[in-house]
Amino acid sequence: MATFRTFSLALFLAISLCSCSSSSMRIMATWVNPKEKPNPQPGKHKIFIFVMTQNYEAQVTLENDLATAAANKGILTVKSNDAFGPILTVDKLPKTEVLLKAIRNLGCDGIFTVAVVDQTEKTHYVEGSYSAGAFVPYAGYGYTYSGYYAYTPTFYSPGYYTTDKTYFIESNLFNAGTEQMLISMQSKVVNPPDIVKASKQYTKMLLTELQARGFMK
């Protein structure tokens, strides 16, 4: 009975670990407006952060992380969820002229947007596999099947289907006065972890890119 319980636990752990699809996150391309020079001086800017999604939890989490990262660099921010509250449906989106007027009235000279521009899903089958326990000699090894089975189990992890979810995300920085795009970053996110971890990873990735392009100290 003890052997059976050990086998069941090992099988459960093997299935659990193998069934998790790996996640990845990277910037695929960045475009910088050659006619607009970045001015990364701390205290000189106030940025309006707008994560454009109907998932309110994702919006609040990412906007908070972006605002914290900006504050650490001496940049003031206004978050869209603070200024306008949850925008859960398209019909609640403010008109462009209303939004721009509100942003300028808040004293913001920049607008930073994040939006999912495409999403794909791909399901594939992962073959089953065998794994043998480590060989541990003991007194009487090899004399009985019961002894062999108890000390050297072989586990079979059955095959399973897994779905990879890929998101293509675009992040843009605009000049609030001229409305000109200053920088655009296209990212690919595969099987993102929970929203808290994904948000922090994505924010760190954007921060690194903005610094590399001269938009942050």
N, C-alpha and C. Protein backbone atom coordinates (compact mmCIF):
# COMPACT_ATOMS: atom_id res chain seq x y z
N MET A 1 0.83 -1.21 0.00
CA MET A 1 0.00 0.00 0.00
C MET A 1 0.86 1.25 0.00
N ALA A 2 1.97 1.24 0.76
CA ALA A 2 2.86 2.39 0.80
C ALA A 2 3.47 2.64 -0.56
N THR A 3 3.80 1.53 -1.25
CA THR A 3 4.37 1.67 -2.60
C THR A 3 3.37 2.31 -3.55
N PHE A 4 2.11 1.91 -3.45
CA PHE A 4 1.07 2.47 -4.32
C PHE A 4 0.88 3.95 -4.07
N ARG A 5 0.89 4.37 -2.79
CA ARG A 5 0.73 5.79 -2.46
C ARG A 5 1.91 6.60 -3.01
N THR A 6 3.12 6.03 -2.89
CA THR A 6 4.31 6.71 -3.41
C THR A 6 4.22 6.86 -4.91
N PHE A 7 3.77 5.81 -5.60
CA PHE A 7 3.62 5.85 -7.06
C PHE A 7 2.59 6.89 -7.48
N SER A 8 1.46 6.94 -6.78
CA SER A 8 0.40 7.88 -7.12
C SER A 8 0.86 9.32 -6.96
N LEU A 9 1.60 9.61 -5.86
CA LEU A 9 2.10 10.95 -5.63
C LEU A 9 3.10 11.35 -6.71
N ALA A 10 4.01 10.45 -7.04
CA ALA A 10 5.02 10.76 -8.06
C ALA A 10 4.36 10.99 -9.42
N LEU A 11 3.35 10.18 -9.74
CA LEU A 11 2.65 10.34 -11.01
C LEU A 11 1.94 11.68 -11.07
N PHE A 12 1.30 12.08 -9.96
CA PHE A 12 0.61 13.37 -9.90
C PHE A 12 1.58 14.52 -10.10
N LEU A 13 2.73 14.46 -9.44
CA LEU A 13 3.73 15.52 -9.57
C LEU A 13 4.28 15.57 -10.98
N ALA A 14 4.51 14.43 -11.60
CA ALA A 14 5.05 14.39 -12.95
C ALA A 14 4.08 15.02 -13.94
N ILE A 15 2.79 14.67 -13.81
CA ILE A 15 1.78 15.23 -14.70
C ILE A 15 1.66 16.74 -14.50
N SER A 16 1.67 17.16 -13.22
CA SER A 16 1.53 18.58 -12.92
C SER A 16 2.66 19.39 -13.51
N LEU A 17 3.89 18.89 -13.37
CA LEU A 17 5.04 19.63 -13.86
C LEU A 17 5.10 19.63 -15.38
N CYS A 18 4.79 18.53 -16.00
CA CYS A 18 4.89 18.44 -17.46
C CYS A 18 3.77 19.17 -18.16
N SER A 19 2.64 19.35 -17.49
CA SER A 19 1.49 19.96 -18.14
C SER A 19 1.60 21.48 -18.21
N CYS A 20 2.55 22.07 -17.48
CA CYS A 20 2.67 23.52 -17.46
C CYS A 20 3.39 24.00 -18.71
N SER A 21 2.74 24.83 -19.52
CA SER A 21 3.38 25.36 -20.71
C SER A 21 4.36 26.44 -20.30
N SER A 22 5.51 26.46 -20.96
CA SER A 22 6.52 27.46 -20.62
C SER A 22 6.08 28.83 -21.09
N SER A 23 6.48 29.86 -20.34
CA SER A 23 6.12 31.22 -20.69
C SER A 23 7.35 31.97 -21.17
N SER A 24 7.13 32.97 -22.00
CA SER A 24 8.22 33.80 -22.48
C SER A 24 7.67 35.18 -22.80
N MET A 25 8.56 36.16 -22.78
CA MET A 25 8.16 37.54 -23.00
C MET A 25 9.34 38.29 -23.62
N ARG A 26 9.13 38.95 -24.76
CA ARG A 26 10.23 39.68 -25.38
C ARG A 26 9.70 40.79 -26.28
N ILE A 27 10.53 41.80 -26.48
CA ILE A 27 10.20 42.88 -27.41
C ILE A 27 10.66 42.47 -28.80
N MET A 28 9.74 42.46 -29.74
CA MET A 28 10.05 42.02 -31.10
C MET A 28 10.61 43.16 -31.95
N ALA A 29 10.08 44.37 -31.77
CA ALA A 29 10.52 45.50 -32.58
C ALA A 29 10.26 46.81 -31.87
N THR A 30 11.11 47.79 -32.10
CA THR A 30 10.95 49.12 -31.52
C THR A 30 11.16 50.17 -32.61
N TRP A 31 10.26 51.13 -32.66
CA TRP A 31 10.39 52.24 -33.60
C TRP A 31 10.49 53.54 -32.82
N VAL A 32 11.49 54.35 -33.15
CA VAL A 32 11.68 55.64 -32.50
C VAL A 32 11.54 56.74 -33.55
N ASN A 33 10.73 57.75 -33.26
CA ASN A 33 10.51 58.85 -34.20
C ASN A 33 11.82 59.63 -34.37
N PRO A 34 12.37 59.63 -35.58
CA PRO A 34 13.65 60.32 -35.79
C PRO A 34 13.55 61.84 -35.69
N LYS A 35 12.33 62.37 -35.76
CA LYS A 35 12.13 63.82 -35.72
C LYS A 35 11.91 64.34 -34.30
N GLU A 36 11.76 63.42 -33.35
CA GLU A 36 11.51 63.81 -31.96
C GLU A 36 12.65 63.32 -31.08
N LYS A 37 13.36 64.22 -30.44
CA LYS A 37 14.46 63.84 -29.56
C LYS A 37 13.93 63.58 -28.15
N PRO A 38 14.32 62.46 -27.55
CA PRO A 38 13.87 62.18 -26.17
C PRO A 38 14.48 63.15 -25.18
N ASN A 39 13.69 63.50 -24.16
CA ASN A 39 14.15 64.39 -23.10
C ASN A 39 13.88 63.73 -21.77
N PRO A 40 14.84 62.93 -21.29
CA PRO A 40 14.58 62.10 -20.09
C PRO A 40 14.84 62.80 -18.76
N GLN A 41 14.86 64.12 -18.72
CA GLN A 41 15.18 64.83 -17.49
C GLN A 41 14.12 64.58 -16.40
N PRO A 42 14.53 64.08 -15.23
CA PRO A 42 13.59 63.86 -14.12
C PRO A 42 12.91 65.16 -13.70
N GLY A 43 11.65 65.08 -13.33
CA GLY A 43 10.91 66.25 -12.87
C GLY A 43 10.41 67.14 -13.97
N LYS A 44 10.73 66.81 -15.22
CA LYS A 44 10.32 67.65 -16.35
C LYS A 44 9.03 67.16 -17.00
N HIS A 45 8.62 65.95 -16.66
CA HIS A 45 7.50 65.35 -17.38
C HIS A 45 6.42 64.82 -16.45
N LYS A 46 5.21 64.76 -16.99
CA LYS A 46 4.08 64.15 -16.32
C LYS A 46 3.36 63.32 -17.37
N ILE A 47 3.31 62.03 -17.15
CA ILE A 47 2.81 61.09 -18.16
C ILE A 47 1.44 60.53 -17.78
N PHE A 48 0.54 60.52 -18.76
CA PHE A 48 -0.77 59.88 -18.59
C PHE A 48 -0.63 58.43 -19.03
N ILE A 49 -0.90 57.49 -18.12
CA ILE A 49 -0.76 56.07 -18.42
C ILE A 49 -2.14 55.47 -18.70
N PHE A 50 -2.27 54.85 -19.87
CA PHE A 50 -3.56 54.30 -20.29
C PHE A 50 -3.38 52.87 -20.79
N VAL A 51 -3.72 51.88 -19.96
CA VAL A 51 -3.72 50.48 -20.37
C VAL A 51 -5.10 50.17 -20.93
N MET A 52 -5.15 49.94 -22.23
CA MET A 52 -6.42 49.83 -22.94
C MET A 52 -6.89 48.37 -22.97
N THR A 53 -7.64 47.98 -21.95
CA THR A 53 -8.18 46.63 -21.85
C THR A 53 -9.50 46.66 -21.11
N GLN A 54 -10.36 45.69 -21.37
CA GLN A 54 -11.63 45.58 -20.67
C GLN A 54 -11.48 44.72 -19.40
N ASN A 55 -10.27 44.19 -19.19
CA ASN A 55 -9.97 43.44 -17.97
C ASN A 55 -9.50 44.44 -16.92
N TYR A 56 -10.40 44.81 -16.01
CA TYR A 56 -10.09 45.88 -15.05
C TYR A 56 -8.94 45.52 -14.12
N GLU A 57 -8.87 44.25 -13.71
CA GLU A 57 -7.77 43.82 -12.84
C GLU A 57 -6.43 44.00 -13.54
N ALA A 58 -6.37 43.60 -14.81
CA ALA A 58 -5.13 43.76 -15.58
C ALA A 58 -4.79 45.23 -15.76
N GLN A 59 -5.80 46.05 -16.03
CA GLN A 59 -5.58 47.49 -16.22
C GLN A 59 -4.99 48.12 -14.97
N VAL A 60 -5.62 47.88 -13.83
CA VAL A 60 -5.17 48.49 -12.57
C VAL A 60 -3.77 47.99 -12.19
N THR A 61 -3.55 46.69 -12.32
CA THR A 61 -2.26 46.12 -11.93
C THR A 61 -1.13 46.68 -12.77
N LEU A 62 -1.30 46.69 -14.09
CA LEU A 62 -0.24 47.17 -14.97
C LEU A 62 -0.04 48.68 -14.85
N GLU A 63 -1.13 49.43 -14.75
CA GLU A 63 -0.99 50.88 -14.60
C GLU A 63 -0.28 51.22 -13.28
N ASN A 64 -0.57 50.50 -12.21
CA ASN A 64 0.09 50.73 -10.94
C ASN A 64 1.59 50.44 -11.03
N ASP A 65 1.93 49.32 -11.69
CA ASP A 65 3.35 48.96 -11.81
C ASP A 65 4.10 49.96 -12.69
N LEU A 66 3.46 50.40 -13.77
CA LEU A 66 4.10 51.40 -14.65
C LEU A 66 4.29 52.73 -13.92
N ALA A 67 3.29 53.12 -13.14
CA ALA A 67 3.37 54.38 -12.39
C ALA A 67 4.47 54.31 -11.34
N THR A 68 4.59 53.18 -10.67
CA THR A 68 5.64 53.00 -9.66
C THR A 68 7.03 53.07 -10.29
N ALA A 69 7.18 52.41 -11.45
CA ALA A 69 8.47 52.43 -12.15
C ALA A 69 8.83 53.84 -12.58
N ALA A 70 7.83 54.60 -13.06
CA ALA A 70 8.07 55.98 -13.48
C ALA A 70 8.44 56.86 -12.28
N ALA A 71 7.74 56.66 -11.17
CA ALA A 71 8.01 57.45 -9.97
C ALA A 71 9.43 57.23 -9.47
N ASN A 72 9.91 56.00 -9.60
CA ASN A 72 11.28 55.68 -9.19
C ASN A 72 12.31 56.40 -10.05
N LYS A 73 11.87 56.87 -11.21
CA LYS A 73 12.76 57.61 -12.12
C LYS A 73 12.48 59.11 -12.06
N GLY A 74 11.67 59.53 -11.11
CA GLY A 74 11.40 60.95 -10.94
C GLY A 74 10.37 61.50 -11.91
N ILE A 75 9.53 60.64 -12.47
CA ILE A 75 8.52 61.07 -13.44
C ILE A 75 7.14 61.00 -12.80
N LEU A 76 6.40 62.08 -12.87
CA LEU A 76 5.04 62.12 -12.35
C LEU A 76 4.10 61.42 -13.33
N THR A 77 3.03 60.82 -12.82
CA THR A 77 2.08 60.12 -13.68
C THR A 77 0.65 60.35 -13.23
N VAL A 78 -0.27 60.13 -14.17
CA VAL A 78 -1.70 60.06 -13.88
C VAL A 78 -2.20 58.78 -14.54
N LYS A 79 -2.88 57.94 -13.76
CA LYS A 79 -3.37 56.67 -14.29
C LYS A 79 -4.81 56.82 -14.80
N SER A 80 -5.10 56.18 -15.91
CA SER A 80 -6.44 56.31 -16.49
C SER A 80 -7.52 55.80 -15.57
N ASN A 81 -7.21 54.75 -14.79
CA ASN A 81 -8.25 54.21 -13.90
C ASN A 81 -8.57 55.17 -12.76
N ASP A 82 -7.61 56.05 -12.42
CA ASP A 82 -7.88 57.09 -11.43
C ASP A 82 -8.66 58.25 -12.04
N ALA A 83 -8.33 58.57 -13.29
CA ALA A 83 -8.95 59.72 -13.94
C ALA A 83 -10.35 59.43 -14.47
N PHE A 84 -10.55 58.21 -14.98
CA PHE A 84 -11.83 57.90 -15.63
C PHE A 84 -12.56 56.71 -15.02
N GLY A 85 -11.90 55.98 -14.11
CA GLY A 85 -12.54 54.79 -13.55
C GLY A 85 -12.49 53.64 -14.53
N PRO A 86 -13.15 52.51 -14.22
CA PRO A 86 -13.14 51.35 -15.12
C PRO A 86 -13.86 51.63 -16.44
N ILE A 87 -13.20 51.28 -17.53
CA ILE A 87 -13.82 51.38 -18.86
C ILE A 87 -13.99 49.96 -19.37
N LEU A 88 -15.12 49.35 -19.05
CA LEU A 88 -15.32 47.92 -19.30
C LEU A 88 -15.92 47.62 -20.66
N THR A 89 -16.48 48.61 -21.31
CA THR A 89 -17.07 48.40 -22.63
C THR A 89 -16.62 49.51 -23.58
N VAL A 90 -16.66 49.22 -24.87
CA VAL A 90 -16.20 50.16 -25.88
C VAL A 90 -17.02 51.46 -25.85
N ASP A 91 -18.31 51.34 -25.58
CA ASP A 91 -19.17 52.53 -25.60
C ASP A 91 -18.86 53.50 -24.46
N LYS A 92 -18.06 53.04 -23.47
CA LYS A 92 -17.68 53.92 -22.37
C LYS A 92 -16.37 54.65 -22.62
N LEU A 93 -15.73 54.36 -23.75
CA LEU A 93 -14.49 55.06 -24.08
C LEU A 93 -14.77 56.54 -24.33
N PRO A 94 -14.00 57.42 -23.70
CA PRO A 94 -14.20 58.85 -23.95
C PRO A 94 -13.86 59.18 -25.40
N LYS A 95 -14.52 60.17 -25.97
CA LYS A 95 -14.17 60.61 -27.31
C LYS A 95 -12.75 61.17 -27.30
N THR A 96 -12.10 61.08 -28.45
CA THR A 96 -10.69 61.49 -28.55
C THR A 96 -10.47 62.90 -28.05
N GLU A 97 -11.31 63.85 -28.51
CA GLU A 97 -11.11 65.24 -28.13
C GLU A 97 -11.33 65.46 -26.64
N VAL A 98 -12.30 64.71 -26.07
CA VAL A 98 -12.58 64.82 -24.63
C VAL A 98 -11.40 64.27 -23.83
N LEU A 99 -10.88 63.14 -24.29
CA LEU A 99 -9.75 62.51 -23.60
C LEU A 99 -8.51 63.40 -23.64
N LEU A 100 -8.20 63.95 -24.81
CA LEU A 100 -7.03 64.80 -24.96
C LEU A 100 -7.14 66.07 -24.11
N LYS A 101 -8.33 66.66 -24.09
CA LYS A 101 -8.54 67.86 -23.30
C LYS A 101 -8.33 67.57 -21.82
N ALA A 102 -8.86 66.44 -21.37
CA ALA A 102 -8.72 66.05 -19.96
C ALA A 102 -7.26 65.79 -19.60
N ILE A 103 -6.55 65.13 -20.50
CA ILE A 103 -5.14 64.82 -20.26
C ILE A 103 -4.32 66.10 -20.15
N ARG A 104 -4.57 67.04 -21.05
CA ARG A 104 -3.83 68.31 -21.02
C ARG A 104 -4.19 69.14 -19.80
N ASN A 105 -5.46 69.08 -19.40
CA ASN A 105 -5.90 69.82 -18.21
C ASN A 105 -5.25 69.26 -16.94
N LEU A 106 -4.87 68.00 -16.99
CA LEU A 106 -4.21 67.38 -15.85
C LEU A 106 -2.72 67.73 -15.81
N GLY A 107 -2.27 68.47 -16.81
CA GLY A 107 -0.87 68.89 -16.85
C GLY A 107 0.07 67.85 -17.42
N CYS A 108 -0.46 66.86 -18.13
CA CYS A 108 0.38 65.81 -18.71
C CYS A 108 0.93 66.25 -20.06
N ASP A 109 2.22 66.03 -20.27
CA ASP A 109 2.82 66.35 -21.56
C ASP A 109 3.12 65.10 -22.38
N GLY A 110 2.82 63.94 -21.80
CA GLY A 110 3.03 62.68 -22.51
C GLY A 110 1.90 61.71 -22.25
N ILE A 111 1.68 60.81 -23.19
CA ILE A 111 0.65 59.76 -23.06
C ILE A 111 1.31 58.42 -23.35
N PHE A 112 1.21 57.49 -22.39
CA PHE A 112 1.78 56.16 -22.58
C PHE A 112 0.64 55.15 -22.63
N THR A 113 0.51 54.46 -23.76
CA THR A 113 -0.58 53.50 -23.94
C THR A 113 -0.05 52.08 -24.06
N VAL A 114 -0.84 51.13 -23.57
CA VAL A 114 -0.53 49.71 -23.71
C VAL A 114 -1.80 49.02 -24.19
N ALA A 115 -1.70 48.23 -25.26
CA ALA A 115 -2.88 47.56 -25.80
C ALA A 115 -2.50 46.23 -26.43
N VAL A 116 -3.38 45.23 -26.28
CA VAL A 116 -3.22 43.95 -26.96
C VAL A 116 -3.76 44.12 -28.38
N VAL A 117 -2.89 43.96 -29.38
CA VAL A 117 -3.31 44.18 -30.76
C VAL A 117 -3.67 42.87 -31.47
N ASP A 118 -3.26 41.73 -30.89
CA ASP A 118 -3.62 40.45 -31.49
C ASP A 118 -3.44 39.35 -30.45
N GLN A 119 -4.16 38.25 -30.64
CA GLN A 119 -4.09 37.13 -29.72
C GLN A 119 -4.31 35.84 -30.49
N THR A 120 -3.47 34.83 -30.25
CA THR A 120 -3.62 33.54 -30.93
C THR A 120 -3.56 32.41 -29.91
N GLU A 121 -4.16 31.28 -30.26
CA GLU A 121 -4.10 30.09 -29.44
C GLU A 121 -3.75 28.89 -30.32
N LYS A 122 -2.88 28.03 -29.82
CA LYS A 122 -2.48 26.85 -30.57
C LYS A 122 -2.43 25.65 -29.63
N THR A 123 -3.20 24.61 -29.95
CA THR A 123 -3.25 23.42 -29.13
C THR A 123 -2.43 22.31 -29.77
N HIS A 124 -1.59 21.66 -28.99
CA HIS A 124 -0.81 20.54 -29.52
C HIS A 124 -0.72 19.44 -28.48
N TYR A 125 -0.38 18.24 -28.95
CA TYR A 125 -0.33 17.05 -28.09
C TYR A 125 1.11 16.79 -27.67
N VAL A 126 1.31 16.55 -26.38
CA VAL A 126 2.63 16.23 -25.84
C VAL A 126 2.66 14.74 -25.54
N GLU A 127 3.61 14.02 -26.15
CA GLU A 127 3.70 12.58 -25.98
C GLU A 127 3.99 12.21 -24.52
N GLY A 128 3.51 11.02 -24.12
CA GLY A 128 3.80 10.51 -22.79
C GLY A 128 5.26 10.11 -22.68
N SER A 129 5.74 9.91 -21.46
CA SER A 129 7.15 9.56 -21.26
C SER A 129 7.31 8.66 -20.05
N TYR A 130 8.43 7.93 -20.05
CA TYR A 130 8.77 7.07 -18.92
C TYR A 130 9.93 7.68 -18.15
N SER A 131 9.96 7.44 -16.84
CA SER A 131 11.11 7.83 -16.05
C SER A 131 11.33 6.78 -14.96
N ALA A 132 12.57 6.37 -14.78
CA ALA A 132 12.88 5.33 -13.80
C ALA A 132 13.47 5.92 -12.55
N GLY A 133 13.17 5.31 -11.41
CA GLY A 133 13.73 5.76 -10.16
C GLY A 133 15.23 5.47 -10.10
N ALA A 134 15.93 6.16 -9.22
CA ALA A 134 17.38 5.97 -9.09
C ALA A 134 17.68 4.57 -8.55
N PHE A 135 18.78 3.97 -9.04
CA PHE A 135 19.19 2.63 -8.59
C PHE A 135 19.85 2.75 -7.22
N VAL A 136 19.26 2.11 -6.22
CA VAL A 136 19.80 2.14 -4.86
C VAL A 136 19.97 0.70 -4.38
N PRO A 137 21.19 0.18 -4.35
CA PRO A 137 21.41 -1.21 -3.92
C PRO A 137 20.95 -1.42 -2.48
N TYR A 138 20.50 -2.60 -2.19
CA TYR A 138 20.11 -2.94 -0.82
C TYR A 138 20.29 -4.43 -0.63
N ALA A 139 20.27 -4.87 0.60
CA ALA A 139 20.47 -6.28 0.90
C ALA A 139 19.39 -7.13 0.24
N GLY A 140 19.79 -8.11 -0.56
CA GLY A 140 18.83 -8.98 -1.19
C GLY A 140 18.28 -8.44 -2.50
N TYR A 141 18.87 -7.35 -3.03
CA TYR A 141 18.37 -6.75 -4.27
C TYR A 141 18.37 -7.79 -5.40
N GLY A 142 17.27 -7.83 -6.13
CA GLY A 142 17.18 -8.71 -7.28
C GLY A 142 16.61 -10.08 -6.97
N TYR A 143 16.35 -10.38 -5.71
CA TYR A 143 15.87 -11.71 -5.38
C TYR A 143 14.38 -11.87 -5.58
N THR A 144 13.62 -10.81 -5.38
CA THR A 144 12.16 -10.91 -5.53
C THR A 144 11.62 -9.75 -6.34
N TYR A 145 10.51 -9.97 -6.99
CA TYR A 145 9.86 -8.91 -7.75
C TYR A 145 9.36 -7.81 -6.81
N SER A 146 8.84 -8.21 -5.65
CA SER A 146 8.31 -7.25 -4.69
C SER A 146 9.41 -6.29 -4.25
N GLY A 147 10.60 -6.84 -3.99
CA GLY A 147 11.71 -6.00 -3.58
C GLY A 147 12.13 -5.05 -4.68
N TYR A 148 12.17 -5.58 -5.92
CA TYR A 148 12.55 -4.74 -7.06
C TYR A 148 11.55 -3.61 -7.26
N TYR A 149 10.25 -3.94 -7.21
CA TYR A 149 9.20 -2.95 -7.44
C TYR A 149 9.20 -1.88 -6.36
N ALA A 150 9.49 -2.27 -5.13
CA ALA A 150 9.46 -1.33 -4.02
C ALA A 150 10.61 -0.33 -4.09
N TYR A 151 11.74 -0.74 -4.62
CA TYR A 151 12.92 0.12 -4.58
C TYR A 151 13.27 0.78 -5.90
N THR A 152 12.80 0.24 -7.01
CA THR A 152 13.13 0.83 -8.30
C THR A 152 11.87 0.96 -9.15
N PRO A 153 10.99 1.90 -8.83
CA PRO A 153 9.75 2.07 -9.59
C PRO A 153 10.01 2.78 -10.93
N THR A 154 9.19 2.46 -11.90
CA THR A 154 9.23 3.17 -13.18
C THR A 154 7.89 3.84 -13.37
N PHE A 155 7.90 5.15 -13.63
CA PHE A 155 6.66 5.90 -13.72
C PHE A 155 6.37 6.24 -15.18
N TYR A 156 5.10 6.23 -15.51
CA TYR A 156 4.68 6.63 -16.85
C TYR A 156 3.83 7.89 -16.75
N SER A 157 4.26 8.92 -17.44
CA SER A 157 3.49 10.16 -17.51
C SER A 157 2.69 10.15 -18.80
N PRO A 158 1.36 10.07 -18.73
CA PRO A 158 0.56 9.97 -19.95
C PRO A 158 0.64 11.24 -20.78
N GLY A 159 0.36 11.10 -22.07
CA GLY A 159 0.35 12.27 -22.94
C GLY A 159 -0.80 13.19 -22.60
N TYR A 160 -0.72 14.42 -23.07
CA TYR A 160 -1.77 15.39 -22.77
C TYR A 160 -1.78 16.48 -23.84
N TYR A 161 -2.89 17.18 -23.89
CA TYR A 161 -3.02 18.32 -24.80
C TYR A 161 -2.74 19.61 -24.02
N THR A 162 -2.05 20.52 -24.65
CA THR A 162 -1.78 21.81 -24.02
C THR A 162 -2.03 22.92 -25.03
N THR A 163 -2.48 24.05 -24.55
CA THR A 163 -2.79 25.19 -25.42
C THR A 163 -1.85 26.34 -25.10
N ASP A 164 -1.11 26.75 -26.11
CA ASP A 164 -0.22 27.91 -25.96
C ASP A 164 -0.99 29.17 -26.35
N LYS A 165 -1.00 30.15 -25.46
CA LYS A 165 -1.65 31.42 -25.73
C LYS A 165 -0.60 32.48 -25.98
N THR A 166 -0.69 33.14 -27.13
CA THR A 166 0.27 34.16 -27.51
C THR A 166 -0.43 35.51 -27.65
N TYR A 167 0.14 36.52 -27.00
CA TYR A 167 -0.42 37.87 -27.07
C TYR A 167 0.61 38.80 -27.70
N PHE A 168 0.14 39.64 -28.61
CA PHE A 168 0.99 40.65 -29.22
C PHE A 168 0.55 42.00 -28.66
N ILE A 169 1.47 42.64 -27.94
CA ILE A 169 1.14 43.85 -27.20
C ILE A 169 1.94 45.03 -27.75
N GLU A 170 1.27 46.15 -27.90
CA GLU A 170 1.93 47.35 -28.41
C GLU A 170 1.90 48.43 -27.33
N SER A 171 3.06 49.00 -27.05
CA SER A 171 3.18 50.09 -26.09
C SER A 171 3.72 51.32 -26.81
N ASN A 172 3.02 52.45 -26.67
CA ASN A 172 3.39 53.67 -27.37
C ASN A 172 3.51 54.85 -26.42
N LEU A 173 4.43 55.74 -26.73
CA LEU A 173 4.57 57.00 -26.00
C LEU A 173 4.31 58.15 -26.98
N PHE A 174 3.35 59.02 -26.63
CA PHE A 174 2.97 60.14 -27.48
C PHE A 174 3.29 61.46 -26.80
N ASN A 175 3.53 62.48 -27.60
CA ASN A 175 3.61 63.85 -27.12
C ASN A 175 2.19 64.36 -26.99
N ALA A 176 1.76 64.71 -25.79
CA ALA A 176 0.36 65.11 -25.57
C ALA A 176 0.03 66.42 -26.27
N GLY A 177 1.03 67.26 -26.51
CA GLY A 177 0.79 68.54 -27.16
C GLY A 177 0.65 68.42 -28.66
N THR A 178 1.59 67.73 -29.29
CA THR A 178 1.59 67.60 -30.75
C THR A 178 0.86 66.33 -31.22
N GLU A 179 0.62 65.39 -30.31
CA GLU A 179 0.01 64.09 -30.59
C GLU A 179 0.93 63.18 -31.40
N GLN A 180 2.18 63.58 -31.59
CA GLN A 180 3.13 62.77 -32.34
C GLN A 180 3.61 61.57 -31.52
N MET A 181 3.73 60.43 -32.18
CA MET A 181 4.26 59.25 -31.52
C MET A 181 5.77 59.41 -31.37
N LEU A 182 6.28 59.16 -30.16
CA LEU A 182 7.71 59.28 -29.89
C LEU A 182 8.42 57.94 -30.01
N ILE A 183 7.79 56.89 -29.48
CA ILE A 183 8.37 55.55 -29.54
C ILE A 183 7.25 54.51 -29.51
N SER A 184 7.45 53.43 -30.23
CA SER A 184 6.48 52.33 -30.25
C SER A 184 7.23 51.02 -30.06
N MET A 185 6.75 50.19 -29.13
CA MET A 185 7.40 48.91 -28.84
C MET A 185 6.39 47.78 -29.01
N GLN A 186 6.71 46.83 -29.89
CA GLN A 186 5.85 45.68 -30.12
C GLN A 186 6.43 44.48 -29.40
N SER A 187 5.61 43.86 -28.54
CA SER A 187 6.07 42.75 -27.72
C SER A 187 5.27 41.49 -28.00
N LYS A 188 5.90 40.35 -27.74
CA LYS A 188 5.26 39.04 -27.86
C LYS A 188 5.32 38.35 -26.51
N VAL A 189 4.15 37.97 -26.00
CA VAL A 189 4.06 37.31 -24.70
C VAL A 189 3.39 35.96 -24.89
N VAL A 190 4.10 34.89 -24.53
CA VAL A 190 3.58 33.53 -24.69
C VAL A 190 3.29 32.95 -23.31
N ASN A 191 2.07 32.47 -23.14
CA ASN A 191 1.64 31.85 -21.88
C ASN A 191 2.05 32.67 -20.66
N PRO A 192 1.52 33.89 -20.56
CA PRO A 192 1.91 34.73 -19.43
C PRO A 192 1.50 34.09 -18.10
N PRO A 193 2.31 34.30 -17.05
CA PRO A 193 1.94 33.79 -15.72
C PRO A 193 0.78 34.61 -15.17
N ASP A 194 0.50 34.51 -13.91
CA ASP A 194 -0.61 35.27 -13.33
C ASP A 194 -0.36 36.76 -13.52
N ILE A 195 -1.41 37.55 -13.45
CA ILE A 195 -1.37 38.96 -13.83
C ILE A 195 -0.33 39.74 -13.03
N VAL A 196 -0.15 39.41 -11.76
CA VAL A 196 0.81 40.14 -10.93
C VAL A 196 2.23 39.93 -11.43
N LYS A 197 2.61 38.67 -11.67
CA LYS A 197 3.96 38.37 -12.15
C LYS A 197 4.16 38.91 -13.57
N ALA A 198 3.15 38.72 -14.43
CA ALA A 198 3.26 39.16 -15.82
C ALA A 198 3.42 40.67 -15.89
N SER A 199 2.68 41.39 -15.07
CA SER A 199 2.74 42.85 -15.07
C SER A 199 4.13 43.35 -14.66
N LYS A 200 4.68 42.76 -13.62
CA LYS A 200 6.00 43.18 -13.15
C LYS A 200 7.08 42.86 -14.19
N GLN A 201 6.98 41.69 -14.83
CA GLN A 201 7.95 41.32 -15.87
C GLN A 201 7.85 42.26 -17.06
N TYR A 202 6.61 42.56 -17.46
CA TYR A 202 6.41 43.41 -18.63
C TYR A 202 6.89 44.83 -18.35
N THR A 203 6.59 45.33 -17.16
CA THR A 203 7.04 46.68 -16.78
C THR A 203 8.57 46.76 -16.80
N LYS A 204 9.23 45.76 -16.24
CA LYS A 204 10.69 45.75 -16.21
C LYS A 204 11.26 45.72 -17.62
N MET A 205 10.64 44.94 -18.50
CA MET A 205 11.10 44.84 -19.88
C MET A 205 10.96 46.18 -20.61
N LEU A 206 9.81 46.87 -20.42
CA LEU A 206 9.60 48.17 -21.05
C LEU A 206 10.58 49.21 -20.51
N LEU A 207 10.81 49.18 -19.21
CA LEU A 207 11.71 50.14 -18.59
C LEU A 207 13.12 50.00 -19.16
N THR A 208 13.56 48.77 -19.32
CA THR A 208 14.89 48.52 -19.88
C THR A 208 14.99 49.06 -21.30
N GLU A 209 13.95 48.86 -22.09
CA GLU A 209 13.95 49.33 -23.48
C GLU A 209 13.91 50.85 -23.55
N LEU A 210 13.09 51.48 -22.73
CA LEU A 210 13.00 52.95 -22.72
C LEU A 210 14.32 53.58 -22.30
N GLN A 211 15.00 52.96 -21.35
CA GLN A 211 16.31 53.46 -20.93
C GLN A 211 17.32 53.30 -22.06
N ALA A 212 17.29 52.16 -22.73
CA ALA A 212 18.23 51.90 -23.82
C ALA A 212 18.03 52.89 -24.97
N ARG A 213 16.78 53.37 -25.14
CA ARG A 213 16.48 54.28 -26.24
C ARG A 213 16.58 55.74 -25.83
N GLY A 214 16.98 55.99 -24.59
CA GLY A 214 17.21 57.36 -24.15
C GLY A 214 16.01 58.08 -23.61
N PHE A 215 14.92 57.38 -23.32
CA PHE A 215 13.70 58.02 -22.81
C PHE A 215 13.62 58.05 -21.30
N MET A 216 14.57 57.39 -20.65
CA MET A 216 14.63 57.41 -19.19
C MET A 216 16.09 57.39 -18.76
N LYS A 217 16.36 58.03 -17.64
CA LYS A 217 17.69 58.01 -17.07
C LYS A 217 17.97 56.64 -16.48
